[in-house]
C-alpha atoms as a PDB file:
ATOM      1  CA  UNK A   1     -63.825  41.820  96.007  1.00  0.00           C
ATOM      2  CA  UNK A   2     -63.792  42.043 100.063  1.00  0.00           C
ATOM      3  CA  UNK A   3     -61.192  44.424  99.471  1.00  0.00           C
ATOM      4  CA  UNK A   4     -62.776  46.474  97.136  1.00  0.00           C
ATOM      5  CA  UNK A   5     -65.978  46.744  99.480  1.00  0.00           C
ATOM      6  CA  UNK A   6     -63.838  47.749 102.389  1.00  0.00           C
ATOM      7  CA  UNK A   7     -62.424  50.808 100.458  1.00  0.00           C
ATOM      8  CA  UNK A   8     -65.975  51.945  99.311  1.00  0.00           C
ATOM      9  CA  UNK A   9     -66.936  51.779 103.041  1.00  0.00           C
ATOM     10  CA  UNK A  10     -63.786  53.842 103.992  1.00  0.00           C
ATOM     11  CA  UNK A  11     -64.490  56.341 101.367  1.00  0.00           C
ATOM     12  CA  UNK A  12     -67.968  56.825 102.252  1.00  0.00           C
ATOM     13  CA  UNK A  13     -67.106  57.240 105.992  1.00  0.00           C
ATOM     14  CA  UNK A  14     -64.353  59.859 104.966  1.00  0.00           C
ATOM     15  CA  UNK A  15     -67.303  61.752 103.285  1.00  0.00           C
ATOM     16  CA  UNK A  16     -69.445  61.282 106.052  1.00  0.00           C
ATOM     17  CA  UNK A  17     -67.542  62.725 108.529  1.00  0.00           C
ATOM     18  CA  UNK A  18     -66.081  65.707 106.542  1.00  0.00           C
ATOM     19  CA  UNK A  19     -70.073  66.252 105.841  1.00  0.00           C
ATOM     20  CA  UNK A  20     -70.597  66.237 109.957  1.00  0.00           C
ATOM     21  CA  UNK A  21     -67.608  68.358 110.673  1.00  0.00           C
ATOM     22  CA  UNK A  22     -68.417  70.969 107.992  1.00  0.00           C
ATOM     23  CA  UNK A  23     -72.130  71.090 107.250  1.00  0.00           C
ATOM     24  CA  UNK A  24     -75.095  71.730 109.756  1.00  0.00           C
ATOM     25  CA  UNK A  25     -77.516  70.017 106.954  1.00  0.00           C
ATOM     26  CA  UNK A  26     -75.553  67.027 107.042  1.00  0.00           C
ATOM     27  CA  UNK A  27     -75.602  67.016 110.971  1.00  0.00           C
ATOM     28  CA  UNK A  28     -78.936  67.939 111.020  1.00  0.00           C
ATOM     29  CA  UNK A  29     -79.892  64.692 108.938  1.00  0.00           C
ATOM     30  CA  UNK A  30     -77.566  62.446 110.409  1.00  0.00           C
ATOM     31  CA  UNK A  31     -78.662  62.901 114.198  1.00  0.00           C
ATOM     32  CA  UNK A  32     -81.343  61.009 113.708  1.00  0.00           C
ATOM     33  CA  UNK A  33     -79.983  58.117 111.779  1.00  0.00           C
ATOM     34  CA  UNK A  34     -76.567  57.491 113.080  1.00  0.00           C
ATOM     35  CA  UNK A  35     -75.588  54.380 114.561  1.00  0.00           C
ATOM     36  CA  UNK A  36     -72.015  53.925 115.648  1.00  0.00           C
ATOM     37  CA  UNK A  37     -72.227  50.462 115.363  1.00  0.00           C
ATOM     38  CA  UNK A  38     -72.359  50.605 111.680  1.00  0.00           C
ATOM     39  CA  UNK A  39     -68.932  52.528 111.300  1.00  0.00           C
ATOM     40  CA  UNK A  40     -66.347  50.586 110.522  1.00  0.00           C
ATOM     41  CA  UNK A  41     -63.319  52.857 111.015  1.00  0.00           C
ATOM     42  CA  UNK A  42     -62.739  53.644 114.949  1.00  0.00           C
ATOM     43  CA  UNK A  43     -61.544  57.117 114.454  1.00  0.00           C
ATOM     44  CA  UNK A  44     -64.761  57.996 112.179  1.00  0.00           C
ATOM     45  CA  UNK A  45     -66.940  56.891 115.012  1.00  0.00           C
ATOM     46  CA  UNK A  46     -64.908  58.879 117.276  1.00  0.00           C
ATOM     47  CA  UNK A  47     -64.779  62.250 115.417  1.00  0.00           C
ATOM     48  CA  UNK A  48     -68.408  61.548 114.583  1.00  0.00           C
ATOM     49  CA  UNK A  49     -69.501  61.475 118.211  1.00  0.00           C
ATOM     50  CA  UNK A  50     -67.502  64.770 118.835  1.00  0.00           C
ATOM     51  CA  UNK A  51     -69.300  66.397 116.035  1.00  0.00           C
ATOM     52  CA  UNK A  52     -73.184  64.821 117.343  1.00  0.00           C
ATOM     53  CA  UNK A  53     -72.064  66.347 120.731  1.00  0.00           C
ATOM     54  CA  UNK A  54     -71.285  69.586 119.482  1.00  0.00           C
ATOM     55  CA  UNK A  55     -74.571  69.868 117.582  1.00  0.00           C
ATOM     56  CA  UNK A  56     -76.434  68.935 120.428  1.00  0.00           C
ATOM     57  CA  UNK A  57     -74.604  72.041 122.330  1.00  0.00           C
ATOM     58  CA  UNK A  58     -74.740  74.597 119.598  1.00  0.00           C
ATOM     59  CA  UNK A  59     -77.200  73.267 116.556  1.00  0.00           C
ATOM     60  CA  UNK A  60     -74.491  73.972 114.264  1.00  0.00           C
ATOM     61  CA  UNK A  61     -71.676  71.816 112.884  1.00  0.00           C
ATOM     62  CA  UNK A  62     -68.110  72.611 114.755  1.00  0.00           C
ATOM     63  CA  UNK A  63     -66.141  73.313 111.519  1.00  0.00           C
ATOM     64  CA  UNK A  64     -62.850  74.704 112.850  1.00  0.00           C
ATOM     65  CA  UNK A  65     -63.851  74.062 116.418  1.00  0.00           C
ATOM     66  CA  UNK A  66     -63.002  70.333 115.504  1.00  0.00           C
ATOM     67  CA  UNK A  67     -59.184  70.960 116.143  1.00  0.00           C
ATOM     68  CA  UNK A  68     -60.066  72.385 119.581  1.00  0.00           C
ATOM     69  CA  UNK A  69     -61.901  69.263 120.398  1.00  0.00           C
ATOM     70  CA  UNK A  70     -59.346  66.915 119.258  1.00  0.00           C
ATOM     71  CA  UNK A  71     -56.413  68.922 120.940  1.00  0.00           C
ATOM     72  CA  UNK A  72     -58.529  68.978 124.227  1.00  0.00           C
ATOM     73  CA  UNK A  73     -59.028  64.772 123.957  1.00  0.00           C
ATOM     74  CA  UNK A  74     -55.476  64.668 123.315  1.00  0.00           C
ATOM     75  CA  UNK A  75     -54.233  66.687 126.346  1.00  0.00           C
ATOM     76  CA  UNK A  76     -56.741  65.109 128.417  1.00  0.00           C
ATOM     77  CA  UNK A  77     -55.771  61.644 127.886  1.00  0.00           C
ATOM     78  CA  UNK A  78     -59.184  60.773 126.448  1.00  0.00           C
ATOM     79  CA  UNK A  79     -57.971  59.857 123.151  1.00  0.00           C
ATOM     80  CA  UNK A  80     -55.912  56.730 122.706  1.00  0.00           C
ATOM     81  CA  UNK A  81     -52.716  57.520 120.654  1.00  0.00           C
ATOM     82  CA  UNK A  82     -53.183  55.067 117.649  1.00  0.00           C
ATOM     83  CA  UNK A  83     -56.588  57.061 117.125  1.00  0.00           C
ATOM     84  CA  UNK A  84     -54.801  60.671 117.578  1.00  0.00           C
ATOM     85  CA  UNK A  85     -52.464  59.500 114.967  1.00  0.00           C
ATOM     86  CA  UNK A  86     -55.039  58.184 112.605  1.00  0.00           C
ATOM     87  CA  UNK A  87     -57.140  61.347 112.939  1.00  0.00           C
END
């Protein structure tokens, strides 16, 4: 039963992060509700933080710019290799 629970959490977190990357509406709603300690998958927590920082600056979802954000974090060694691989 615990395995099933973990899979549901993981699926939800993947859906959440996809919405945060691609949807202004999702980011607008999540901005006030998001609490990183509730996210279990480390790379989802990392990408969610990037999305929220992008939202604060531009008031829109990063969409394709998420690749540039990822590349920046990899090239400046701000992202642990295990998380880079997971993302």
